[in-house]
């Protein structure tokens, strides 16, 4: 993508800032964020930062491409305040898309979620039947339906990306998320500081861990190809939490065993893995950072201290 005027909502957050910084090399990029889960410290100097909520009506929207990543991004945030979750994740999505559309924007890439697949050891294809088990999942499915409306009624390119377990580490732009950061970041930080990481159950649960740089590249490709529809973004490989802990210990030169605790909530997803074939066919995207390399990147800043 080159010479485009771009808006990234949630642009000071973990994924949003990585995308905004990537695009700013060749584009005019505006990052809008209310700083709940993000911080302008994540952004490079050539990204224009605007502190605002996606529910506001005065942030810049005269853009060529909208990347809508702003969200309350976890189950627990939604369950504690479902009304707020709906306002931010659904009304905020419609507000941002509508305001950009009125300014002439025809290309939108937005974050959906892989959580809607539930627990599966087999790769999850985008065309499988899904259902909302949590308010968070309901809000993301609502986005997909509104995107379908904008594509059909307004002929806009509306690409929804279902991300799988995106991570980078506290040495990158993920630190501000704290307790809501990916488990890779949290466990690596704990072990690096001599603390015992706590795993739910027996640690055999698996995730398709996808590095944030591959996700940012996927977002850009979705816009470049002016895609419409829903696509998975994941590595098509799954690793257990026990394997992750072993990799972190190897990378840090430590030997800290995890503590196994009972999961504190119902409906915990035990396994995830993407079927990213549709997105690969549409864009040629392939993940460039495998999980072992990704863990090394997460741990590198601690070795440099």
C-alpha atoms as a PDB file:
ATOM      1  CA  UNK A   1       0.000   0.000   0.000  1.00  0.00           C
ATOM      2  CA  UNK A   2       1.376   3.411  -1.007  1.00  0.00           C
ATOM      3  CA  UNK A   3       0.304   7.046  -0.980  1.00  0.00           C
ATOM      4  CA  UNK A   4      -2.990   6.338   0.777  1.00  0.00           C
ATOM      5  CA  UNK A   5      -4.644   8.248   3.578  1.00  0.00           C
ATOM      6  CA  UNK A   6      -5.268   5.629   6.247  1.00  0.00           C
ATOM      7  CA  UNK A   7      -7.196   5.527   9.519  1.00  0.00           C
ATOM      8  CA  UNK A   8      -6.383   2.850  12.097  1.00  0.00           C
ATOM      9  CA  UNK A   9      -8.859   2.731  14.978  1.00  0.00           C
ATOM     10  CA  UNK A  10      -7.413   1.186  18.090  1.00  0.00           C
ATOM     11  CA  UNK A  11      -4.268   2.524  16.472  1.00  0.00           C
ATOM     12  CA  UNK A  12      -2.265   2.961  19.681  1.00  0.00           C
ATOM     13  CA  UNK A  13      -3.033  -0.590  20.783  1.00  0.00           C
ATOM     14  CA  UNK A  14      -0.908  -3.657  20.357  1.00  0.00           C
ATOM     15  CA  UNK A  15      -1.958  -4.774  16.864  1.00  0.00           C
ATOM     16  CA  UNK A  16      -3.111  -1.349  15.706  1.00  0.00           C
ATOM     17  CA  UNK A  17       0.172   0.404  16.463  1.00  0.00           C
ATOM     18  CA  UNK A  18       2.173  -2.320  14.745  1.00  0.00           C
ATOM     19  CA  UNK A  19       0.016  -1.864  11.654  1.00  0.00           C
ATOM     20  CA  UNK A  20       0.083   1.946  11.833  1.00  0.00           C
ATOM     21  CA  UNK A  21       3.870   2.011  12.142  1.00  0.00           C
ATOM     22  CA  UNK A  22       4.214  -0.410   9.241  1.00  0.00           C
ATOM     23  CA  UNK A  23       1.971   1.624   6.947  1.00  0.00           C
ATOM     24  CA  UNK A  24       3.406   5.023   7.891  1.00  0.00           C
ATOM     25  CA  UNK A  25       6.550   4.378   5.838  1.00  0.00           C
ATOM     26  CA  UNK A  26       4.595   4.873   2.608  1.00  0.00           C
ATOM     27  CA  UNK A  27       1.245   6.344   3.609  1.00  0.00           C
ATOM     28  CA  UNK A  28      -0.401   9.157   5.557  1.00  0.00           C
ATOM     29  CA  UNK A  29      -1.549   7.344   8.714  1.00  0.00           C
ATOM     30  CA  UNK A  30      -3.892   8.510  11.481  1.00  0.00           C
ATOM     31  CA  UNK A  31      -4.188   6.424  14.643  1.00  0.00           C
ATOM     32  CA  UNK A  32      -7.328   6.933  16.733  1.00  0.00           C
ATOM     33  CA  UNK A  33      -7.382   5.431  20.226  1.00  0.00           C
ATOM     34  CA  UNK A  34      -9.024   6.165  23.586  1.00  0.00           C
ATOM     35  CA  UNK A  35      -5.862   4.807  25.359  1.00  0.00           C
ATOM     36  CA  UNK A  36      -7.781   2.198  27.376  1.00  0.00           C
ATOM     37  CA  UNK A  37      -5.735  -0.661  25.914  1.00  0.00           C
ATOM     38  CA  UNK A  38      -3.248   1.408  23.947  1.00  0.00           C
ATOM     39  CA  UNK A  39      -0.683   4.145  24.452  1.00  0.00           C
ATOM     40  CA  UNK A  40       0.713   6.698  21.989  1.00  0.00           C
ATOM     41  CA  UNK A  41       4.161   5.605  23.156  1.00  0.00           C
ATOM     42  CA  UNK A  42       3.668   2.604  20.849  1.00  0.00           C
ATOM     43  CA  UNK A  43       3.554   4.854  17.785  1.00  0.00           C
ATOM     44  CA  UNK A  44       6.358   6.135  15.587  1.00  0.00           C
ATOM     45  CA  UNK A  45       6.716   9.874  15.111  1.00  0.00           C
ATOM     46  CA  UNK A  46       5.352   9.791  11.568  1.00  0.00           C
ATOM     47  CA  UNK A  47       1.955   8.464  12.716  1.00  0.00           C
ATOM     48  CA  UNK A  48      -0.601  11.163  13.567  1.00  0.00           C
ATOM     49  CA  UNK A  49      -2.225  10.284  16.890  1.00  0.00           C
ATOM     50  CA  UNK A  50      -5.741  11.396  17.838  1.00  0.00           C
ATOM     51  CA  UNK A  51      -7.076  10.531  21.288  1.00  0.00           C
ATOM     52  CA  UNK A  52     -10.741   9.728  20.751  1.00  0.00           C
ATOM     53  CA  UNK A  53     -13.322   6.983  21.136  1.00  0.00           C
ATOM     54  CA  UNK A  54     -14.776   5.226  18.116  1.00  0.00           C
ATOM     55  CA  UNK A  55     -18.123   6.343  19.508  1.00  0.00           C
ATOM     56  CA  UNK A  56     -17.173  10.008  18.979  1.00  0.00           C
ATOM     57  CA  UNK A  57     -18.205  11.984  15.924  1.00  0.00           C
ATOM     58  CA  UNK A  58     -15.206  14.279  15.513  1.00  0.00           C
ATOM     59  CA  UNK A  59     -12.171  12.083  14.797  1.00  0.00           C
ATOM     60  CA  UNK A  60     -10.701  12.323  11.258  1.00  0.00           C
ATOM     61  CA  UNK A  61     -12.522  10.019   8.825  1.00  0.00           C
ATOM     62  CA  UNK A  62     -11.696  11.456   5.397  1.00  0.00           C
ATOM     63  CA  UNK A  63      -9.527   8.492   4.417  1.00  0.00           C
ATOM     64  CA  UNK A  64      -8.988   6.045   1.578  1.00  0.00           C
ATOM     65  CA  UNK A  65      -8.748   2.968   3.806  1.00  0.00           C
ATOM     66  CA  UNK A  66     -10.128   2.218   7.276  1.00  0.00           C
ATOM     67  CA  UNK A  67      -8.534  -0.444   9.453  1.00  0.00           C
ATOM     68  CA  UNK A  68     -10.954  -0.934  12.342  1.00  0.00           C
ATOM     69  CA  UNK A  69      -9.162  -2.688  15.188  1.00  0.00           C
ATOM     70  CA  UNK A  70     -10.667  -0.814  18.139  1.00  0.00           C
ATOM     71  CA  UNK A  71     -12.489  -3.146  20.511  1.00  0.00           C
ATOM     72  CA  UNK A  72     -12.927  -4.394  24.010  1.00  0.00           C
ATOM     73  CA  UNK A  73     -10.789  -7.353  23.139  1.00  0.00           C
ATOM     74  CA  UNK A  74     -11.536 -10.078  25.652  1.00  0.00           C
ATOM     75  CA  UNK A  75     -14.336 -12.152  27.061  1.00  0.00           C
ATOM     76  CA  UNK A  76     -13.832 -10.830  30.595  1.00  0.00           C
ATOM     77  CA  UNK A  77     -14.128  -7.175  29.570  1.00  0.00           C
ATOM     78  CA  UNK A  78     -17.485  -7.907  27.980  1.00  0.00           C
ATOM     79  CA  UNK A  79     -18.902 -10.073  30.714  1.00  0.00           C
ATOM     80  CA  UNK A  80     -18.175  -7.375  33.294  1.00  0.00           C
ATOM     81  CA  UNK A  81     -20.075  -4.745  31.271  1.00  0.00           C
ATOM     82  CA  UNK A  82     -22.030  -6.189  28.295  1.00  0.00           C
ATOM     83  CA  UNK A  83     -23.675  -2.869  27.435  1.00  0.00           C
ATOM     84  CA  UNK A  84     -20.337  -1.103  27.139  1.00  0.00           C
ATOM     85  CA  UNK A  85     -18.956  -4.002  25.116  1.00  0.00           C
ATOM     86  CA  UNK A  86     -21.851  -3.709  22.666  1.00  0.00           C
ATOM     87  CA  UNK A  87     -21.461   0.046  22.358  1.00  0.00           C
ATOM     88  CA  UNK A  88     -17.738  -0.096  21.660  1.00  0.00           C
ATOM     89  CA  UNK A  89     -17.587  -3.248  19.540  1.00  0.00           C
ATOM     90  CA  UNK A  90     -20.802  -2.888  17.547  1.00  0.00           C
ATOM     91  CA  UNK A  91     -21.918   0.741  17.643  1.00  0.00           C
ATOM     92  CA  UNK A  92     -18.296   1.884  17.464  1.00  0.00           C
ATOM     93  CA  UNK A  93     -17.760  -0.255  14.370  1.00  0.00           C
ATOM     94  CA  UNK A  94     -20.844   1.126  12.626  1.00  0.00           C
ATOM     95  CA  UNK A  95     -19.924   4.679  13.602  1.00  0.00           C
ATOM     96  CA  UNK A  96     -16.397   4.419  12.225  1.00  0.00           C
ATOM     97  CA  UNK A  97     -17.446   2.711   8.997  1.00  0.00           C
ATOM     98  CA  UNK A  98     -20.361   5.072   8.423  1.00  0.00           C
ATOM     99  CA  UNK A  99     -18.291   8.190   8.995  1.00  0.00           C
ATOM    100  CA  UNK A 100     -15.543   6.939   6.666  1.00  0.00           C
ATOM    101  CA  UNK A 101     -18.108   5.907   4.032  1.00  0.00           C
ATOM    102  CA  UNK A 102     -19.645   9.379   4.076  1.00  0.00           C
ATOM    103  CA  UNK A 103     -16.183  10.775   3.329  1.00  0.00           C
ATOM    104  CA  UNK A 104     -15.792   8.491   0.316  1.00  0.00           C
ATOM    105  CA  UNK A 105     -13.894   5.541   1.810  1.00  0.00           C
ATOM    106  CA  UNK A 106     -14.652   2.273   0.014  1.00  0.00           C
ATOM    107  CA  UNK A 107     -12.167  -0.132   1.645  1.00  0.00           C
ATOM    108  CA  UNK A 108     -12.437  -1.442   5.214  1.00  0.00           C
ATOM    109  CA  UNK A 109     -10.467  -4.138   7.003  1.00  0.00           C
ATOM    110  CA  UNK A 110     -11.724  -5.014  10.477  1.00  0.00           C
ATOM    111  CA  UNK A 111     -10.943  -7.364  13.344  1.00  0.00           C
ATOM    112  CA  UNK A 112     -13.311 -10.232  13.995  1.00  0.00           C
ATOM    113  CA  UNK A 113     -12.280 -13.160  16.205  1.00  0.00           C
ATOM    114  CA  UNK A 114     -11.360 -16.832  16.061  1.00  0.00           C
ATOM    115  CA  UNK A 115     -13.040 -17.342  19.451  1.00  0.00           C
ATOM    116  CA  UNK A 116     -16.314 -18.125  17.722  1.00  0.00           C
ATOM    117  CA  UNK A 117     -14.980 -21.511  16.615  1.00  0.00           C
ATOM    118  CA  UNK A 118     -14.930 -22.778  20.168  1.00  0.00           C
ATOM    119  CA  UNK A 119     -12.540 -25.593  21.112  1.00  0.00           C
ATOM    120  CA  UNK A 120     -11.202 -27.582  18.152  1.00  0.00           C
ATOM    121  CA  UNK A 121      -8.058 -29.612  17.583  1.00  0.00           C
ATOM    122  CA  UNK A 122      -8.777 -29.722  13.852  1.00  0.00           C
ATOM    123  CA  UNK A 123      -8.185 -26.608  11.686  1.00  0.00           C
ATOM    124  CA  UNK A 124     -11.224 -24.326  11.691  1.00  0.00           C
ATOM    125  CA  UNK A 125     -12.394 -23.257   8.204  1.00  0.00           C
ATOM    126  CA  UNK A 126     -14.182 -19.935   7.765  1.00  0.00           C
ATOM    127  CA  UNK A 127     -17.281 -21.620   6.352  1.00  0.00           C
ATOM    128  CA  UNK A 128     -17.980 -23.852   9.352  1.00  0.00           C
ATOM    129  CA  UNK A 129     -21.073 -23.214  11.453  1.00  0.00           C
ATOM    130  CA  UNK A 130     -20.398 -20.911  14.400  1.00  0.00           C
ATOM    131  CA  UNK A 131     -22.370 -19.524  17.305  1.00  0.00           C
ATOM    132  CA  UNK A 132     -21.939 -16.875  19.986  1.00  0.00           C
ATOM    133  CA  UNK A 133     -21.157 -18.338  23.420  1.00  0.00           C
ATOM    134  CA  UNK A 134     -20.005 -15.057  24.981  1.00  0.00           C
ATOM    135  CA  UNK A 135     -20.905 -11.386  24.627  1.00  0.00           C
ATOM    136  CA  UNK A 136     -17.496 -10.791  23.061  1.00  0.00           C
ATOM    137  CA  UNK A 137     -18.178 -13.351  20.336  1.00  0.00           C
ATOM    138  CA  UNK A 138     -21.665 -11.926  19.772  1.00  0.00           C
ATOM    139  CA  UNK A 139     -20.215  -8.467  19.226  1.00  0.00           C
ATOM    140  CA  UNK A 140     -17.727  -9.706  16.656  1.00  0.00           C
ATOM    141  CA  UNK A 141     -20.377 -11.703  14.792  1.00  0.00           C
ATOM    142  CA  UNK A 142     -22.512  -8.550  14.750  1.00  0.00           C
ATOM    143  CA  UNK A 143     -19.617  -6.773  13.053  1.00  0.00           C
ATOM    144  CA  UNK A 144     -19.528  -9.445  10.382  1.00  0.00           C
ATOM    145  CA  UNK A 145     -23.249  -8.986   9.675  1.00  0.00           C
ATOM    146  CA  UNK A 146     -22.955  -5.192   9.507  1.00  0.00           C
ATOM    147  CA  UNK A 147     -19.984  -5.624   7.178  1.00  0.00           C
ATOM    148  CA  UNK A 148     -22.155  -7.823   4.973  1.00  0.00           C
ATOM    149  CA  UNK A 149     -24.702  -4.991   4.871  1.00  0.00           C
ATOM    150  CA  UNK A 150     -22.087  -2.415   3.880  1.00  0.00           C
ATOM    151  CA  UNK A 151     -20.729  -4.700   1.179  1.00  0.00           C
ATOM    152  CA  UNK A 152     -24.159  -5.487  -0.263  1.00  0.00           C
ATOM    153  CA  UNK A 153     -25.925  -2.149   0.183  1.00  0.00           C
ATOM    154  CA  UNK A 154     -23.037   0.271  -0.330  1.00  0.00           C
ATOM    155  CA  UNK A 155     -20.730  -1.851  -2.512  1.00  0.00           C
ATOM    156  CA  UNK A 156     -17.788  -1.426  -0.134  1.00  0.00           C
ATOM    157  CA  UNK A 157     -14.852  -3.807   0.200  1.00  0.00           C
ATOM    158  CA  UNK A 158     -15.316  -5.196   3.723  1.00  0.00           C
ATOM    159  CA  UNK A 159     -12.715  -7.722   4.905  1.00  0.00           C
ATOM    160  CA  UNK A 160     -13.173  -9.313   8.328  1.00  0.00           C
ATOM    161  CA  UNK A 161     -10.094 -11.053   9.721  1.00  0.00           C
ATOM    162  CA  UNK A 162     -10.459 -13.687  12.412  1.00  0.00           C
ATOM    163  CA  UNK A 163      -7.106 -13.505  14.190  1.00  0.00           C
ATOM    164  CA  UNK A 164      -5.664 -16.487  16.059  1.00  0.00           C
ATOM    165  CA  UNK A 165      -3.771 -15.802  19.348  1.00  0.00           C
ATOM    166  CA  UNK A 166      -1.767 -12.758  18.302  1.00  0.00           C
ATOM    167  CA  UNK A 167       1.377 -12.100  20.338  1.00  0.00           C
ATOM    168  CA  UNK A 168       4.553 -10.019  20.396  1.00  0.00           C
ATOM    169  CA  UNK A 169       5.776  -9.689  23.972  1.00  0.00           C
ATOM    170  CA  UNK A 170       6.244  -6.947  26.545  1.00  0.00           C
ATOM    171  CA  UNK A 171       9.446  -5.895  24.799  1.00  0.00           C
ATOM    172  CA  UNK A 172       7.235  -4.810  21.901  1.00  0.00           C
ATOM    173  CA  UNK A 173       3.923  -2.959  21.862  1.00  0.00           C
ATOM    174  CA  UNK A 174       1.994  -5.489  23.966  1.00  0.00           C
ATOM    175  CA  UNK A 175       3.114  -4.350  27.426  1.00  0.00           C
ATOM    176  CA  UNK A 176       0.339  -1.774  27.902  1.00  0.00           C
ATOM    177  CA  UNK A 177      -2.283  -4.561  27.718  1.00  0.00           C
ATOM    178  CA  UNK A 178      -0.971  -6.038  30.969  1.00  0.00           C
ATOM    179  CA  UNK A 179      -3.288  -8.783  32.219  1.00  0.00           C
ATOM    180  CA  UNK A 180      -5.081  -8.812  28.850  1.00  0.00           C
ATOM    181  CA  UNK A 181      -1.891  -9.523  26.888  1.00  0.00           C
ATOM    182  CA  UNK A 182      -1.353 -12.864  25.193  1.00  0.00           C
ATOM    183  CA  UNK A 183      -0.187 -15.683  27.434  1.00  0.00           C
ATOM    184  CA  UNK A 184       3.161 -15.807  25.600  1.00  0.00           C
ATOM    185  CA  UNK A 185       3.942 -12.268  26.770  1.00  0.00           C
ATOM    186  CA  UNK A 186       2.670 -12.851  30.305  1.00  0.00           C
ATOM    187  CA  UNK A 187       4.461 -16.166  30.849  1.00  0.00           C
ATOM    188  CA  UNK A 188       7.741 -14.933  29.361  1.00  0.00           C
ATOM    189  CA  UNK A 189       7.671 -11.858  31.603  1.00  0.00           C
ATOM    190  CA  UNK A 190       6.935 -13.969  34.671  1.00  0.00           C
ATOM    191  CA  UNK A 191       9.729 -16.457  34.000  1.00  0.00           C
ATOM    192  CA  UNK A 192      12.206 -13.699  33.112  1.00  0.00           C
ATOM    193  CA  UNK A 193      11.570 -12.197  36.547  1.00  0.00           C
ATOM    194  CA  UNK A 194      11.880 -15.507  38.384  1.00  0.00           C
ATOM    195  CA  UNK A 195       8.146 -15.928  38.914  1.00  0.00           C
ATOM    196  CA  UNK A 196       6.075 -19.074  38.443  1.00  0.00           C
ATOM    197  CA  UNK A 197       3.609 -18.896  35.531  1.00  0.00           C
ATOM    198  CA  UNK A 198       0.130 -20.222  36.282  1.00  0.00           C
ATOM    199  CA  UNK A 199      -1.494 -22.498  33.701  1.00  0.00           C
ATOM    200  CA  UNK A 200      -5.128 -23.573  33.695  1.00  0.00           C
ATOM    201  CA  UNK A 201      -5.662 -27.303  34.010  1.00  0.00           C
ATOM    202  CA  UNK A 202      -2.718 -29.480  33.016  1.00  0.00           C
ATOM    203  CA  UNK A 203      -1.168 -27.203  30.397  1.00  0.00           C
ATOM    204  CA  UNK A 204      -2.125 -29.390  27.449  1.00  0.00           C
ATOM    205  CA  UNK A 205      -4.414 -26.754  25.943  1.00  0.00           C
ATOM    206  CA  UNK A 206      -3.206 -25.557  22.533  1.00  0.00           C
ATOM    207  CA  UNK A 207      -3.242 -22.328  20.565  1.00  0.00           C
ATOM    208  CA  UNK A 208      -2.388 -21.256  17.054  1.00  0.00           C
ATOM    209  CA  UNK A 209       0.055 -18.500  18.051  1.00  0.00           C
ATOM    210  CA  UNK A 210       0.428 -15.839  15.336  1.00  0.00           C
ATOM    211  CA  UNK A 211       3.093 -13.137  15.492  1.00  0.00           C
ATOM    212  CA  UNK A 212       1.797  -9.572  15.275  1.00  0.00           C
ATOM    213  CA  UNK A 213       4.069  -8.706  12.336  1.00  0.00           C
ATOM    214  CA  UNK A 214       2.386 -11.426  10.265  1.00  0.00           C
ATOM    215  CA  UNK A 215      -1.024 -10.101  11.325  1.00  0.00           C
ATOM    216  CA  UNK A 216      -0.133  -6.514  10.342  1.00  0.00           C
ATOM    217  CA  UNK A 217       1.038  -7.751   6.966  1.00  0.00           C
ATOM    218  CA  UNK A 218      -2.220  -9.677   6.567  1.00  0.00           C
ATOM    219  CA  UNK A 219      -4.237  -6.521   7.239  1.00  0.00           C
ATOM    220  CA  UNK A 220      -2.326  -4.631   4.586  1.00  0.00           C
ATOM    221  CA  UNK A 221      -2.763  -7.422   2.046  1.00  0.00           C
ATOM    222  CA  UNK A 222      -6.504  -7.564   2.707  1.00  0.00           C
ATOM    223  CA  UNK A 223      -6.747  -3.865   1.873  1.00  0.00           C
ATOM    224  CA  UNK A 224      -4.463  -4.115  -1.152  1.00  0.00           C
ATOM    225  CA  UNK A 225      -6.664  -6.862  -2.584  1.00  0.00           C
ATOM    226  CA  UNK A 226      -9.869  -5.026  -1.625  1.00  0.00           C
ATOM    227  CA  UNK A 227     -11.256  -8.224  -0.149  1.00  0.00           C
ATOM    228  CA  UNK A 228     -14.824  -8.736   0.964  1.00  0.00           C
ATOM    229  CA  UNK A 229     -15.831 -11.552   3.277  1.00  0.00           C
ATOM    230  CA  UNK A 230     -14.402 -13.237   6.359  1.00  0.00           C
ATOM    231  CA  UNK A 231     -10.942 -14.809   6.515  1.00  0.00           C
ATOM    232  CA  UNK A 232      -8.803 -16.632   9.057  1.00  0.00           C
ATOM    233  CA  UNK A 233      -5.337 -15.347   9.889  1.00  0.00           C
ATOM    234  CA  UNK A 234      -3.281 -18.007  11.659  1.00  0.00           C
ATOM    235  CA  UNK A 235      -0.258 -20.248  11.197  1.00  0.00           C
ATOM    236  CA  UNK A 236      -2.140 -23.570  10.868  1.00  0.00           C
ATOM    237  CA  UNK A 237       0.056 -24.965  13.650  1.00  0.00           C
ATOM    238  CA  UNK A 238      -0.820 -25.406  17.321  1.00  0.00           C
ATOM    239  CA  UNK A 239       1.389 -25.584  20.409  1.00  0.00           C
ATOM    240  CA  UNK A 240       0.465 -26.522  23.962  1.00  0.00           C
ATOM    241  CA  UNK A 241       1.057 -24.197  26.897  1.00  0.00           C
ATOM    242  CA  UNK A 242       3.487 -26.773  28.295  1.00  0.00           C
ATOM    243  CA  UNK A 243       5.480 -26.620  25.063  1.00  0.00           C
ATOM    244  CA  UNK A 244       5.410 -22.837  25.233  1.00  0.00           C
ATOM    245  CA  UNK A 245       6.838 -22.841  28.771  1.00  0.00           C
ATOM    246  CA  UNK A 246       9.633 -25.185  27.669  1.00  0.00           C
ATOM    247  CA  UNK A 247      10.465 -22.879  24.740  1.00  0.00           C
ATOM    248  CA  UNK A 248      10.538 -19.812  27.009  1.00  0.00           C
ATOM    249  CA  UNK A 249      12.830 -21.553  29.489  1.00  0.00           C
ATOM    250  CA  UNK A 250      15.131 -22.617  26.652  1.00  0.00           C
ATOM    251  CA  UNK A 251      15.207 -19.094  25.227  1.00  0.00           C
ATOM    252  CA  UNK A 252      15.909 -17.466  28.609  1.00  0.00           C
ATOM    253  CA  UNK A 253      18.265 -20.128  29.939  1.00  0.00           C
ATOM    254  CA  UNK A 254      15.957 -20.701  32.906  1.00  0.00           C
ATOM    255  CA  UNK A 255      14.285 -23.728  34.435  1.00  0.00           C
ATOM    256  CA  UNK A 256      11.071 -22.510  36.060  1.00  0.00           C
ATOM    257  CA  UNK A 257       8.219 -25.010  36.206  1.00  0.00           C
ATOM    258  CA  UNK A 258       4.633 -23.760  35.909  1.00  0.00           C
ATOM    259  CA  UNK A 259       1.948 -24.058  38.553  1.00  0.00           C
ATOM    260  CA  UNK A 260      -1.280 -25.723  37.432  1.00  0.00           C
ATOM    261  CA  UNK A 261      -4.495 -24.165  38.685  1.00  0.00           C
ATOM    262  CA  UNK A 262      -8.195 -24.709  38.147  1.00  0.00           C
ATOM    263  CA  UNK A 263      -9.723 -22.587  35.394  1.00  0.00           C
ATOM    264  CA  UNK A 264     -11.733 -19.826  37.102  1.00  0.00           C
ATOM    265  CA  UNK A 265     -14.496 -19.588  34.516  1.00  0.00           C
ATOM    266  CA  UNK A 266     -16.771 -21.807  32.413  1.00  0.00           C
ATOM    267  CA  UNK A 267     -16.526 -22.260  28.670  1.00  0.00           C
ATOM    268  CA  UNK A 268     -12.739 -22.078  28.489  1.00  0.00           C
ATOM    269  CA  UNK A 269     -11.514 -22.837  24.966  1.00  0.00           C
ATOM    270  CA  UNK A 270      -9.021 -25.695  25.160  1.00  0.00           C
ATOM    271  CA  UNK A 271      -7.725 -25.838  21.581  1.00  0.00           C
ATOM    272  CA  UNK A 272      -7.540 -23.610  18.499  1.00  0.00           C
ATOM    273  CA  UNK A 273      -5.976 -23.889  15.077  1.00  0.00           C
ATOM    274  CA  UNK A 274      -6.629 -21.946  11.891  1.00  0.00           C
ATOM    275  CA  UNK A 275      -7.462 -23.086   8.425  1.00  0.00           C
ATOM    276  CA  UNK A 276      -6.042 -20.066   6.579  1.00  0.00           C
ATOM    277  CA  UNK A 277      -6.395 -21.537   3.086  1.00  0.00           C
ATOM    278  CA  UNK A 278      -9.020 -19.021   1.932  1.00  0.00           C
ATOM    279  CA  UNK A 279      -6.872 -16.045   2.872  1.00  0.00           C
ATOM    280  CA  UNK A 280      -3.774 -17.655   1.377  1.00  0.00           C
ATOM    281  CA  UNK A 281      -5.614 -18.252  -1.897  1.00  0.00           C
ATOM    282  CA  UNK A 282      -6.907 -14.674  -1.981  1.00  0.00           C
ATOM    283  CA  UNK A 283      -3.657 -12.884  -1.122  1.00  0.00           C
ATOM    284  CA  UNK A 284      -0.707 -15.277  -1.146  1.00  0.00           C
ATOM    285  CA  UNK A 285      -0.149 -14.577   2.555  1.00  0.00           C
ATOM    286  CA  UNK A 286       1.946 -17.025   4.535  1.00  0.00           C
ATOM    287  CA  UNK A 287       3.192 -16.595   8.113  1.00  0.00           C
ATOM    288  CA  UNK A 288       6.864 -15.647   8.138  1.00  0.00           C
ATOM    289  CA  UNK A 289       7.598 -16.107  11.864  1.00  0.00           C
ATOM    290  CA  UNK A 290       7.215 -19.598  13.276  1.00  0.00           C
ATOM    291  CA  UNK A 291       6.409 -19.991  16.941  1.00  0.00           C
ATOM    292  CA  UNK A 292       9.876 -21.064  18.040  1.00  0.00           C
ATOM    293  CA  UNK A 293      11.395 -17.980  16.400  1.00  0.00           C
ATOM    294  CA  UNK A 294       8.571 -15.869  17.805  1.00  0.00           C
ATOM    295  CA  UNK A 295       9.302 -17.013  21.361  1.00  0.00           C
ATOM    296  CA  UNK A 296      12.960 -16.116  20.805  1.00  0.00           C
ATOM    297  CA  UNK A 297      11.891 -12.617  19.736  1.00  0.00           C
ATOM    298  CA  UNK A 298       9.681 -12.266  22.822  1.00  0.00           C
ATOM    299  CA  UNK A 299      12.546 -13.299  25.100  1.00  0.00           C
ATOM    300  CA  UNK A 300      15.367 -11.359  23.416  1.00  0.00           C
ATOM    301  CA  UNK A 301      14.771  -8.070  25.300  1.00  0.00           C
ATOM    302  CA  UNK A 302      15.147  -9.858  28.635  1.00  0.00           C
ATOM    303  CA  UNK A 303      18.486 -11.352  27.557  1.00  0.00           C
ATOM    304  CA  UNK A 304      19.680  -7.874  26.550  1.00  0.00           C
ATOM    305  CA  UNK A 305      18.974  -6.364  29.981  1.00  0.00           C
END
